[in-house]
C-alpha atoms as a PDB file:
ATOM      1  CA  MET A   1      45.128 -29.958  10.451  1.00  0.00           C
ATOM      2  CA  LEU A   2      43.619 -26.685  11.604  1.00  0.00           C
ATOM      3  CA  MET A   3      40.354 -26.752  13.832  1.00  0.00           C
ATOM      4  CA  LEU A   4      37.869 -23.936  14.394  1.00  0.00           C
ATOM      5  CA  GLY A   5      39.733 -22.770  17.459  1.00  0.00           C
ATOM      6  CA  ASP A   6      43.019 -22.499  15.442  1.00  0.00           C
ATOM      7  CA  ILE A   7      41.353 -20.470  12.678  1.00  0.00           C
ATOM      8  CA  LEU A   8      39.920 -18.167  15.254  1.00  0.00           C
ATOM      9  CA  ALA A   9      43.166 -17.754  16.949  1.00  0.00           C
ATOM     10  CA  LEU A  10      45.022 -17.285  13.427  1.00  0.00           C
ATOM     11  CA  ALA A  11      42.608 -14.625  12.542  1.00  0.00           C
ATOM     12  CA  ARG A  12      43.718 -12.624  15.769  1.00  0.00           C
ATOM     13  CA  ARG A  13      47.458 -13.058  15.144  1.00  0.00           C
ATOM     14  CA  SER A  14      49.900 -12.072  12.650  1.00  0.00           C
ATOM     15  CA  ALA A  15      49.457 -11.938   8.785  1.00  0.00           C
ATOM     16  CA  ALA A  16      52.208 -14.425   8.374  1.00  0.00           C
ATOM     17  CA  ASP A  17      50.353 -16.962  10.051  1.00  0.00           C
ATOM     18  CA  LEU A  18      47.301 -16.468   7.625  1.00  0.00           C
ATOM     19  CA  ASP A  19      49.434 -16.642   4.687  1.00  0.00           C
ATOM     20  CA  ARG A  20      50.243 -20.324   5.447  1.00  0.00           C
ATOM     21  CA  VAL A  21      46.624 -21.501   5.193  1.00  0.00           C
ATOM     22  CA  ALA A  22      46.173 -23.465   1.958  1.00  0.00           C
ATOM     23  CA  LEU A  23      43.065 -21.616   0.563  1.00  0.00           C
ATOM     24  CA  PRO A  24      42.130 -21.891  -3.136  1.00  0.00           C
ATOM     25  CA  GLU A  25      44.129 -19.214  -5.202  1.00  0.00           C
ATOM     26  CA  ALA A  26      40.768 -17.956  -6.832  1.00  0.00           C
ATOM     27  CA  LEU A  27      39.470 -17.265  -3.437  1.00  0.00           C
ATOM     28  CA  ILE A  28      42.515 -15.572  -2.325  1.00  0.00           C
ATOM     29  CA  ALA A  29      42.467 -13.424  -5.260  1.00  0.00           C
ATOM     30  CA  ARG A  30      38.778 -12.522  -4.747  1.00  0.00           C
ATOM     31  CA  ALA A  31      39.420 -11.785  -0.918  1.00  0.00           C
ATOM     32  CA  LYS A  32      42.353  -9.486  -1.858  1.00  0.00           C
ATOM     33  CA  GLU A  33      40.314  -7.434  -4.442  1.00  0.00           C
ATOM     34  CA  ALA A  34      37.503  -7.132  -1.988  1.00  0.00           C
ATOM     35  CA  ALA A  35      40.118  -6.034   0.686  1.00  0.00           C
ATOM     36  CA  GLU A  36      41.559  -3.339  -1.427  1.00  0.00           C
ATOM     37  CA  ARG A  37      38.045  -1.934  -2.399  1.00  0.00           C
ATOM     38  CA  ASP A  38      37.377  -1.805   1.457  1.00  0.00           C
ATOM     39  CA  GLU A  39      40.928  -0.326   2.082  1.00  0.00           C
ATOM     40  CA  LEU A  40      41.914  -3.297   4.248  1.00  0.00           C
ATOM     41  CA  SER A  41      44.781  -5.600   4.228  1.00  0.00           C
ATOM     42  CA  PRO A  42      44.098  -9.095   3.107  1.00  0.00           C
ATOM     43  CA  GLN A  43      44.446 -10.468   6.714  1.00  0.00           C
ATOM     44  CA  GLY A  44      42.273  -7.439   7.835  1.00  0.00           C
ATOM     45  CA  PHE A  45      39.488  -8.534   5.325  1.00  0.00           C
ATOM     46  CA  VAL A  46      39.974 -12.406   6.685  1.00  0.00           C
ATOM     47  CA  ARG A  47      39.634 -11.270  10.475  1.00  0.00           C
ATOM     48  CA  ALA A  48      36.560  -9.255   9.496  1.00  0.00           C
ATOM     49  CA  ALA A  49      35.251 -12.356   7.705  1.00  0.00           C
ATOM     50  CA  VAL A  50      35.636 -14.400  10.790  1.00  0.00           C
ATOM     51  CA  GLY A  51      34.391 -11.842  12.970  1.00  0.00           C
ATOM     52  CA  GLU A  52      31.260 -11.417  10.910  1.00  0.00           C
ATOM     53  CA  PHE A  53      30.606 -14.999  10.871  1.00  0.00           C
ATOM     54  CA  SER A  54      31.126 -15.612  14.497  1.00  0.00           C
ATOM     55  CA  ARG A  55      28.860 -12.698  15.460  1.00  0.00           C
ATOM     56  CA  ASN A  56      26.136 -12.498  12.873  1.00  0.00           C
ATOM     57  CA  ALA A  57      25.767 -15.991  11.209  1.00  0.00           C
ATOM     58  CA  HIS A  58      22.275 -17.502  11.370  1.00  0.00           C
ATOM     59  CA  PRO A  59      21.924 -20.778  13.006  1.00  0.00           C
ATOM     60  CA  ASP A  60      21.336 -22.271   9.613  1.00  0.00           C
ATOM     61  CA  GLU A  61      24.622 -21.146   8.420  1.00  0.00           C
ATOM     62  CA  TRP A  62      26.316 -22.658  11.592  1.00  0.00           C
ATOM     63  CA  THR A  63      24.551 -25.890  10.870  1.00  0.00           C
ATOM     64  CA  GLN A  64      25.814 -25.761   7.042  1.00  0.00           C
ATOM     65  CA  LEU A  65      29.421 -24.931   8.240  1.00  0.00           C
ATOM     66  CA  MET A  66      29.363 -28.010  10.572  1.00  0.00           C
ATOM     67  CA  THR A  67      28.100 -30.200   7.698  1.00  0.00           C
ATOM     68  CA  ARG A  68      30.957 -28.982   5.531  1.00  0.00           C
ATOM     69  CA  LEU A  69      33.596 -29.415   8.413  1.00  0.00           C
ATOM     70  CA  ARG A  70      32.193 -32.989   9.048  1.00  0.00           C
ATOM     71  CA  ASP A  71      32.581 -33.899   5.290  1.00  0.00           C
ATOM     72  CA  CYS A  72      36.073 -32.639   4.546  1.00  0.00           C
ATOM     73  CA  ASP A  73      39.697 -33.451   5.245  1.00  0.00           C
ATOM     74  CA  ASP A  74      40.921 -30.222   6.635  1.00  0.00           C
ATOM     75  CA  PRO A  75      38.216 -28.541   8.867  1.00  0.00           C
ATOM     76  CA  GLY A  76      40.149 -25.469   9.651  1.00  0.00           C
ATOM     77  CA  VAL A  77      40.804 -24.401   6.108  1.00  0.00           C
ATOM     78  CA  ALA A  78      37.202 -25.269   5.190  1.00  0.00           C
ATOM     79  CA  CYS A  79      35.939 -23.179   7.859  1.00  0.00           C
ATOM     80  CA  LEU A  80      38.107 -20.187   6.743  1.00  0.00           C
ATOM     81  CA  GLU A  81      37.120 -20.735   3.302  1.00  0.00           C
ATOM     82  CA  ALA A  82      33.416 -20.746   4.179  1.00  0.00           C
ATOM     83  CA  MET A  83      33.727 -17.436   6.206  1.00  0.00           C
ATOM     84  CA  ILE A  84      35.515 -15.711   3.493  1.00  0.00           C
ATOM     85  CA  GLU A  85      32.925 -17.008   0.713  1.00  0.00           C
ATOM     86  CA  ARG A  86      30.208 -15.625   3.057  1.00  0.00           C
ATOM     87  CA  ARG A  87      31.696 -12.286   3.461  1.00  0.00           C
ATOM     88  CA  LEU A  88      32.275 -12.065  -0.248  1.00  0.00           C
ATOM     89  CA  ALA A  89      28.766 -13.127  -1.001  1.00  0.00           C
ATOM     90  CA  ARG A  90      27.408 -10.464   1.221  1.00  0.00           C
ATOM     91  CA  ILE A  91      29.546  -7.640  -0.306  1.00  0.00           C
ATOM     92  CA  ALA A  92      28.362  -8.802  -3.748  1.00  0.00           C
ATOM     93  CA  ALA A  93      24.647  -8.866  -2.728  1.00  0.00           C
ATOM     94  CA  ALA A  94      25.001  -5.473  -1.164  1.00  0.00           C
ATOM     95  CA  ALA A  95      26.447  -4.054  -4.541  1.00  0.00           C
ATOM     96  CA  GLY A  96      23.672  -5.894  -6.519  1.00  0.00           C
ATOM     97  CA  GLU A  97      26.192  -8.259  -8.027  1.00  0.00           C
ATOM     98  CA  ASN A  98      26.097 -12.042  -8.401  1.00  0.00           C
ATOM     99  CA  PRO A  99      28.609 -13.625  -5.986  1.00  0.00           C
END
């Protein structure tokens, strides 16, 4: 089971480690599409999502994340999923789209 520290470490390490995280396929596909549009590797996109969240998340977002982690079976994966979803939502909002 991955924890928050594990996710942050994975985001700083190799792509192969990130590929082993069991994220929903639909989320992976959306992240890959967004990464391609931003001219990033999928791993670069994930690293950016983790970095953005850790630097810019509002305290309410941290509270929501902690609640989500408390209520799940795999906190590390849930953490990464939430951070990717946040980045995708912010990209969609900036483009005037629905996330």
